C-alpha atoms as a PDB file:
ATOM      1  CA  MET A   1      -9.000  22.244  -2.081  1.00  0.00           C
ATOM      2  CA  SER A   2     -12.445  22.593  -3.942  1.00  0.00           C
ATOM      3  CA  SER A   3     -12.548  18.889  -4.791  1.00  0.00           C
ATOM      4  CA  THR A   4     -12.364  16.111  -2.266  1.00  0.00           C
ATOM      5  CA  PRO A   5      -9.299  13.433  -3.225  1.00  0.00           C
ATOM      6  CA  THR A   6     -10.698  10.117  -4.300  1.00  0.00           C
ATOM      7  CA  GLN A   7      -9.120   6.973  -3.809  1.00  0.00           C
ATOM      8  CA  LYS A   8      -9.733   4.028  -5.730  1.00  0.00           C
ATOM      9  CA  LEU A   9      -9.905   1.154  -3.006  1.00  0.00           C
ATOM     10  CA  GLY A  10     -12.108  -1.990  -3.760  1.00  0.00           C
ATOM     11  CA  ASN A  11     -10.601  -3.276  -0.534  1.00  0.00           C
ATOM     12  CA  LYS A  12     -12.623  -1.895   2.293  1.00  0.00           C
ATOM     13  CA  ASN A  13      -9.901  -3.055   4.874  1.00  0.00           C
ATOM     14  CA  LYS A  14      -7.735  -0.766   2.935  1.00  0.00           C
ATOM     15  CA  LEU A  15     -10.230   2.090   3.010  1.00  0.00           C
ATOM     16  CA  ALA A  16     -10.606   1.543   6.613  1.00  0.00           C
ATOM     17  CA  GLU A  17      -7.038   2.027   7.004  1.00  0.00           C
ATOM     18  CA  ALA A  18      -6.482   5.068   4.778  1.00  0.00           C
ATOM     19  CA  GLN A  19      -9.402   6.593   6.655  1.00  0.00           C
ATOM     20  CA  GLY A  20      -8.121   6.309   9.901  1.00  0.00           C
ATOM     21  CA  ILE A  21      -4.830   7.340   8.877  1.00  0.00           C
ATOM     22  CA  LEU A  22      -6.111  10.351   7.627  1.00  0.00           C
ATOM     23  CA  GLY A  23      -9.001  10.852  10.098  1.00  0.00           C
ATOM     24  CA  ASN A  24     -11.914  13.446   9.440  1.00  0.00           C
ATOM     25  CA  HIS A  25      -9.487  15.378   7.571  1.00  0.00           C
ATOM     26  CA  PHE A  26     -10.331  14.217   4.124  1.00  0.00           C
ATOM     27  CA  GLN A  27     -13.450  12.487   2.736  1.00  0.00           C
ATOM     28  CA  LEU A  28     -12.483   9.585   0.841  1.00  0.00           C
ATOM     29  CA  GLU A  29     -14.943   7.515  -1.548  1.00  0.00           C
ATOM     30  CA  SER A  30     -14.610   4.314  -2.833  1.00  0.00           C
ATOM     31  CA  VAL A  31     -14.460   4.235  -6.521  1.00  0.00           C
ATOM     32  CA  ASN A  32     -14.735   0.652  -7.804  1.00  0.00           C
ATOM     33  CA  ILE A  33     -12.717   1.247 -11.358  1.00  0.00           C
ATOM     34  CA  ASP A  34     -11.436  -1.834 -13.170  1.00  0.00           C
ATOM     35  CA  LEU A  35      -8.167  -1.031 -14.275  1.00  0.00           C
ATOM     36  CA  PRO A  36      -5.811  -3.230 -16.465  1.00  0.00           C
ATOM     37  CA  GLU A  37      -3.300  -4.694 -14.296  1.00  0.00           C
ATOM     38  CA  LEU A  38       0.244  -2.940 -14.702  1.00  0.00           C
ATOM     39  CA  GLN A  39       3.703  -4.153 -14.882  1.00  0.00           C
ATOM     40  CA  GLY A  40       6.827  -2.222 -13.810  1.00  0.00           C
ATOM     41  CA  THR A  41       8.037  -0.718 -10.378  1.00  0.00           C
ATOM     42  CA  SER A  42       5.373   0.047  -7.838  1.00  0.00           C
ATOM     43  CA  GLN A  43       6.211   4.006  -9.056  1.00  0.00           C
ATOM     44  CA  GLU A  44       5.521   3.291 -12.821  1.00  0.00           C
ATOM     45  CA  VAL A  45       2.326   1.007 -11.738  1.00  0.00           C
ATOM     46  CA  ALA A  46       1.010   3.756  -9.481  1.00  0.00           C
ATOM     47  CA  ILE A  47       1.820   6.166 -11.955  1.00  0.00           C
ATOM     48  CA  GLY A  48      -0.082   3.978 -14.681  1.00  0.00           C
ATOM     49  CA  LYS A  49      -3.299   3.737 -12.243  1.00  0.00           C
ATOM     50  CA  CYS A  50      -3.643   7.318 -11.518  1.00  0.00           C
ATOM     51  CA  ILE A  51      -3.409   8.517 -14.969  1.00  0.00           C
ATOM     52  CA  GLN A  52      -5.976   6.238 -16.140  1.00  0.00           C
ATOM     53  CA  ALA A  53      -8.124   6.677 -12.653  1.00  0.00           C
ATOM     54  CA  ALA A  54      -8.502  10.610 -13.158  1.00  0.00           C
ATOM     55  CA  GLU A  55      -9.730  10.494 -16.414  1.00  0.00           C
ATOM     56  CA  ILE A  56     -12.285   7.846 -15.397  1.00  0.00           C
ATOM     57  CA  VAL A  57     -13.575  10.065 -12.369  1.00  0.00           C
ATOM     58  CA  ASN A  58     -12.862  13.554 -14.212  1.00  0.00           C
ATOM     59  CA  GLY A  59     -11.108  14.825 -11.138  1.00  0.00           C
ATOM     60  CA  PRO A  60      -8.711  14.741  -8.465  1.00  0.00           C
ATOM     61  CA  VAL A  61      -7.648  10.985  -7.341  1.00  0.00           C
ATOM     62  CA  PHE A  62      -5.057   9.246  -5.270  1.00  0.00           C
ATOM     63  CA  VAL A  63      -4.026   5.634  -5.874  1.00  0.00           C
ATOM     64  CA  GLU A  64      -1.726   3.315  -4.214  1.00  0.00           C
ATOM     65  CA  ASP A  65       0.502   0.592  -5.464  1.00  0.00           C
ATOM     66  CA  THR A  66       1.315  -1.724  -2.090  1.00  0.00           C
ATOM     67  CA  GLY A  67       4.235  -4.381  -2.105  1.00  0.00           C
ATOM     68  CA  LEU A  68       6.397  -6.718  -0.194  1.00  0.00           C
ATOM     69  CA  GLY A  69       9.897  -7.549  -1.342  1.00  0.00           C
ATOM     70  CA  PHE A  70      12.158 -10.162  -0.065  1.00  0.00           C
ATOM     71  CA  ASP A  71      15.626  -8.944   0.357  1.00  0.00           C
ATOM     72  CA  ALA A  72      16.959 -12.561  -0.265  1.00  0.00           C
ATOM     73  CA  LEU A  73      15.592 -12.671  -3.593  1.00  0.00           C
ATOM     74  CA  ASN A  74      16.374  -8.828  -4.515  1.00  0.00           C
ATOM     75  CA  GLY A  75      13.071  -7.236  -3.718  1.00  0.00           C
ATOM     76  CA  LEU A  76      10.494  -9.955  -5.370  1.00  0.00           C
ATOM     77  CA  PRO A  77       7.942 -10.558  -5.088  1.00  0.00           C
ATOM     78  CA  GLY A  78       7.460  -6.524  -4.682  1.00  0.00           C
ATOM     79  CA  PRO A  79       4.273  -5.213  -6.438  1.00  0.00           C
ATOM     80  CA  TYR A  80       3.447  -8.756  -7.829  1.00  0.00           C
ATOM     81  CA  ILE A  81       3.083 -10.083  -4.009  1.00  0.00           C
ATOM     82  CA  LYS A  82      -0.567 -10.050  -4.636  1.00  0.00           C
ATOM     83  CA  TRP A  83      -0.485 -12.762  -7.632  1.00  0.00           C
ATOM     84  CA  PHE A  84       2.462 -14.405  -5.484  1.00  0.00           C
ATOM     85  CA  LEU A  85       0.032 -14.885  -2.604  1.00  0.00           C
ATOM     86  CA  GLN A  86      -2.890 -15.862  -4.643  1.00  0.00           C
ATOM     87  CA  GLY A  87      -1.089 -18.591  -6.246  1.00  0.00           C
ATOM     88  CA  VAL A  88       1.235 -19.955  -3.313  1.00  0.00           C
ATOM     89  CA  GLY A  89      -0.575 -19.145  -0.268  1.00  0.00           C
ATOM     90  CA  LEU A  90       0.895 -17.663   3.092  1.00  0.00           C
ATOM     91  CA  ASP A  91       2.861 -20.853   3.722  1.00  0.00           C
ATOM     92  CA  GLY A  92       4.033 -20.633   0.108  1.00  0.00           C
ATOM     93  CA  LEU A  93       5.708 -17.131   0.644  1.00  0.00           C
ATOM     94  CA  ASN A  94       7.208 -18.094   3.599  1.00  0.00           C
ATOM     95  CA  LYS A  95       9.030 -21.387   2.193  1.00  0.00           C
ATOM     96  CA  MET A  96      10.344 -19.100  -0.722  1.00  0.00           C
ATOM     97  CA  LEU A  97      13.165 -18.242   1.192  1.00  0.00           C
ATOM     98  CA  ASP A  98      13.499 -21.406   3.274  1.00  0.00           C
ATOM     99  CA  GLY A  99      17.305 -22.109   1.865  1.00  0.00           C
ATOM    100  CA  PHE A 100      17.981 -18.566   3.142  1.00  0.00           C
ATOM    101  CA  SER A 101      19.768 -17.461   6.006  1.00  0.00           C
ATOM    102  CA  ASP A 102      18.094 -13.810   5.279  1.00  0.00           C
ATOM    103  CA  ARG A 103      14.419 -13.322   6.000  1.00  0.00           C
ATOM    104  CA  SER A 104      14.248  -9.565   5.641  1.00  0.00           C
ATOM    105  CA  ALA A 105      11.815  -7.578   3.861  1.00  0.00           C
ATOM    106  CA  SER A 106      10.087  -4.118   2.921  1.00  0.00           C
ATOM    107  CA  ALA A 107       6.894  -3.662   2.755  1.00  0.00           C
ATOM    108  CA  PHE A 108       6.132  -0.483   0.737  1.00  0.00           C
ATOM    109  CA  CYS A 109       3.528   1.796  -0.249  1.00  0.00           C
ATOM    110  CA  THR A 110       3.295   4.077  -2.975  1.00  0.00           C
ATOM    111  CA  ILE A 111       0.767   6.631  -3.435  1.00  0.00           C
ATOM    112  CA  ALA A 112       0.125   8.687  -6.827  1.00  0.00           C
ATOM    113  CA  TYR A 113      -2.168  11.386  -6.409  1.00  0.00           C
ATOM    114  CA  SER A 114      -3.321  13.621  -9.554  1.00  0.00           C
ATOM    115  CA  ARG A 115      -5.241  16.927  -9.330  1.00  0.00           C
ATOM    116  CA  GLY A 116      -7.230  15.656 -12.435  1.00  0.00           C
ATOM    117  CA  PRO A 117      -7.038  14.846 -15.805  1.00  0.00           C
ATOM    118  CA  GLY A 118      -3.600  15.867 -17.929  1.00  0.00           C
ATOM    119  CA  THR A 119      -2.087  16.346 -14.431  1.00  0.00           C
ATOM    120  CA  GLU A 120       1.372  14.796 -13.580  1.00  0.00           C
ATOM    121  CA  PRO A 121       0.972  12.229 -10.362  1.00  0.00           C
ATOM    122  CA  ILE A 122       2.555  13.220  -7.722  1.00  0.00           C
ATOM    123  CA  LEU A 123       4.326  10.619  -5.689  1.00  0.00           C
ATOM    124  CA  PHE A 124       4.943   9.531  -1.623  1.00  0.00           C
ATOM    125  CA  ASP A 125       6.615   6.353  -0.888  1.00  0.00           C
ATOM    126  CA  GLY A 126       6.362   4.717   2.623  1.00  0.00           C
ATOM    127  CA  ARG A 127       8.547   1.576   3.363  1.00  0.00           C
ATOM    128  CA  VAL A 128       8.871  -0.167   6.610  1.00  0.00           C
ATOM    129  CA  GLN A 129      11.765  -2.913   7.178  1.00  0.00           C
ATOM    130  CA  GLY A 130      10.702  -6.232   8.954  1.00  0.00           C
ATOM    131  CA  LYS A 131      10.925 -10.092   8.363  1.00  0.00           C
ATOM    132  CA  ILE A 132       9.404 -12.328   7.020  1.00  0.00           C
ATOM    133  CA  VAL A 133       7.958 -15.075  10.059  1.00  0.00           C
ATOM    134  CA  ALA A 134       5.674 -18.072  10.292  1.00  0.00           C
ATOM    135  CA  ALA A 135       1.876 -16.756   9.648  1.00  0.00           C
ATOM    136  CA  ARG A 136       0.298 -15.775  12.904  1.00  0.00           C
ATOM    137  CA  GLY A 137      -2.867 -13.404  13.473  1.00  0.00           C
ATOM    138  CA  PRO A 138      -5.882 -13.057  11.265  1.00  0.00           C
ATOM    139  CA  THR A 139      -5.797 -13.811   7.136  1.00  0.00           C
ATOM    140  CA  ASN A 140      -8.089 -11.143   6.225  1.00  0.00           C
ATOM    141  CA  PHE A 141      -5.757  -8.856   4.909  1.00  0.00           C
ATOM    142  CA  GLY A 142      -3.277  -9.633   2.325  1.00  0.00           C
ATOM    143  CA  TRP A 143       0.529 -10.678   4.008  1.00  0.00           C
ATOM    144  CA  ASP A 144       0.040  -8.950   7.210  1.00  0.00           C
ATOM    145  CA  PRO A 145      -0.066 -12.356   9.085  1.00  0.00           C
ATOM    146  CA  ILE A 146       3.402 -13.036   7.648  1.00  0.00           C
ATOM    147  CA  PHE A 147       5.195  -9.592   7.877  1.00  0.00           C
ATOM    148  CA  GLN A 148       6.675  -8.573  11.321  1.00  0.00           C
ATOM    149  CA  PRO A 149       8.202  -5.093  11.585  1.00  0.00           C
ATOM    150  CA  ASP A 150      11.663  -4.393  13.029  1.00  0.00           C
ATOM    151  CA  GLY A 151      10.946  -3.226  16.597  1.00  0.00           C
ATOM    152  CA  TYR A 152       7.629  -5.268  17.526  1.00  0.00           C
ATOM    153  CA  ASP A 153       7.204  -8.935  18.117  1.00  0.00           C
ATOM    154  CA  LYS A 154       4.163  -8.848  16.319  1.00  0.00           C
ATOM    155  CA  THR A 155       3.248  -9.417  12.508  1.00  0.00           C
ATOM    156  CA  TYR A 156       1.486  -6.792  10.988  1.00  0.00           C
ATOM    157  CA  ALA A 157      -1.868  -9.098  11.327  1.00  0.00           C
ATOM    158  CA  GLU A 158      -1.369  -9.263  14.908  1.00  0.00           C
ATOM    159  CA  ILE A 159      -1.039  -5.651  15.830  1.00  0.00           C
ATOM    160  CA  GLU A 160      -4.025  -3.518  16.454  1.00  0.00           C
ATOM    161  CA  PRO A 161      -4.966  -1.397  14.014  1.00  0.00           C
ATOM    162  CA  ALA A 162      -4.872   1.736  15.995  1.00  0.00           C
ATOM    163  CA  VAL A 163      -1.043   0.898  16.106  1.00  0.00           C
ATOM    164  CA  LYS A 164      -0.687   0.209  12.809  1.00  0.00           C
ATOM    165  CA  ASN A 165      -1.917   2.832  11.411  1.00  0.00           C
ATOM    166  CA  THR A 166       0.458   4.982  13.121  1.00  0.00           C
ATOM    167  CA  MET A 167       3.485   3.032  11.711  1.00  0.00           C
ATOM    168  CA  SER A 168       2.660   1.412   8.441  1.00  0.00           C
ATOM    169  CA  HIS A 169       4.325   1.670   5.114  1.00  0.00           C
ATOM    170  CA  ARG A 170       0.621   2.907   4.269  1.00  0.00           C
ATOM    171  CA  TYR A 171       0.528   5.290   7.173  1.00  0.00           C
ATOM    172  CA  GLU A 172       4.014   6.756   6.208  1.00  0.00           C
ATOM    173  CA  ALA A 173       3.251   7.398   2.596  1.00  0.00           C
ATOM    174  CA  LEU A 174      -0.565   8.689   3.302  1.00  0.00           C
ATOM    175  CA  VAL A 175       0.958  11.125   6.107  1.00  0.00           C
ATOM    176  CA  MET A 176       3.010  12.659   3.243  1.00  0.00           C
ATOM    177  CA  LEU A 177      -0.023  12.952   0.802  1.00  0.00           C
ATOM    178  CA  ARG A 178      -1.823  14.555   4.231  1.00  0.00           C
ATOM    179  CA  GLU A 179       1.493  17.133   4.186  1.00  0.00           C
ATOM    180  CA  PHE A 180       1.178  17.772   0.905  1.00  0.00           C
ATOM    181  CA  LEU A 181      -2.453  18.277   0.354  1.00  0.00           C
ATOM    182  CA  ASP A 182      -2.174  20.699   3.593  1.00  0.00           C
ATOM    183  CA  LYS A 183      -0.174  22.881   1.732  1.00  0.00           C
ATOM    184  CA  GLU A 184      -1.759  22.979  -1.113  1.00  0.00           C
ATOM    185  CA  ASN A 185      -4.730  23.917   0.826  1.00  0.00           C
ATOM    186  CA  LYS A 186      -3.331  26.830   2.400  1.00  0.00           C
END
């Protein structure tokens, strides 16, 4: 591919995680773009962001929309997790499930990739099942301290980045993107 895909990542943790997953295979450039907050499903939000970002950078781009859905709340907060987290904090998110016996949740990442302005974005979805637990681990990466993926006794925040980068929702979506780009480059 002659152009390097650019991911809009204002969050340095997300950029480091994406680069750790993609390795030296692709050069990522952080482009700080002020896009309006879109509403809808994770897929609708990712597509809308991707179309706008491709126009602004005038080239290939991929963007992501990440969420956390509580099964007892029919998938809420979902793509609105950022706003719920800002509004009620980690303890508040946990307390939202008090009174429910079901604390299962799914972490998801939708990546939308566009070859450039005027092209239809292609979607890649990653999803990891787990449960909501009392906050454990560093609090520097969103809701990671309250999400414990199935098969692990640690939260995302407690799992070493090298391990998380081989099993997370973002990992699953980025691997699909990487495989797609590899086929396109052949």
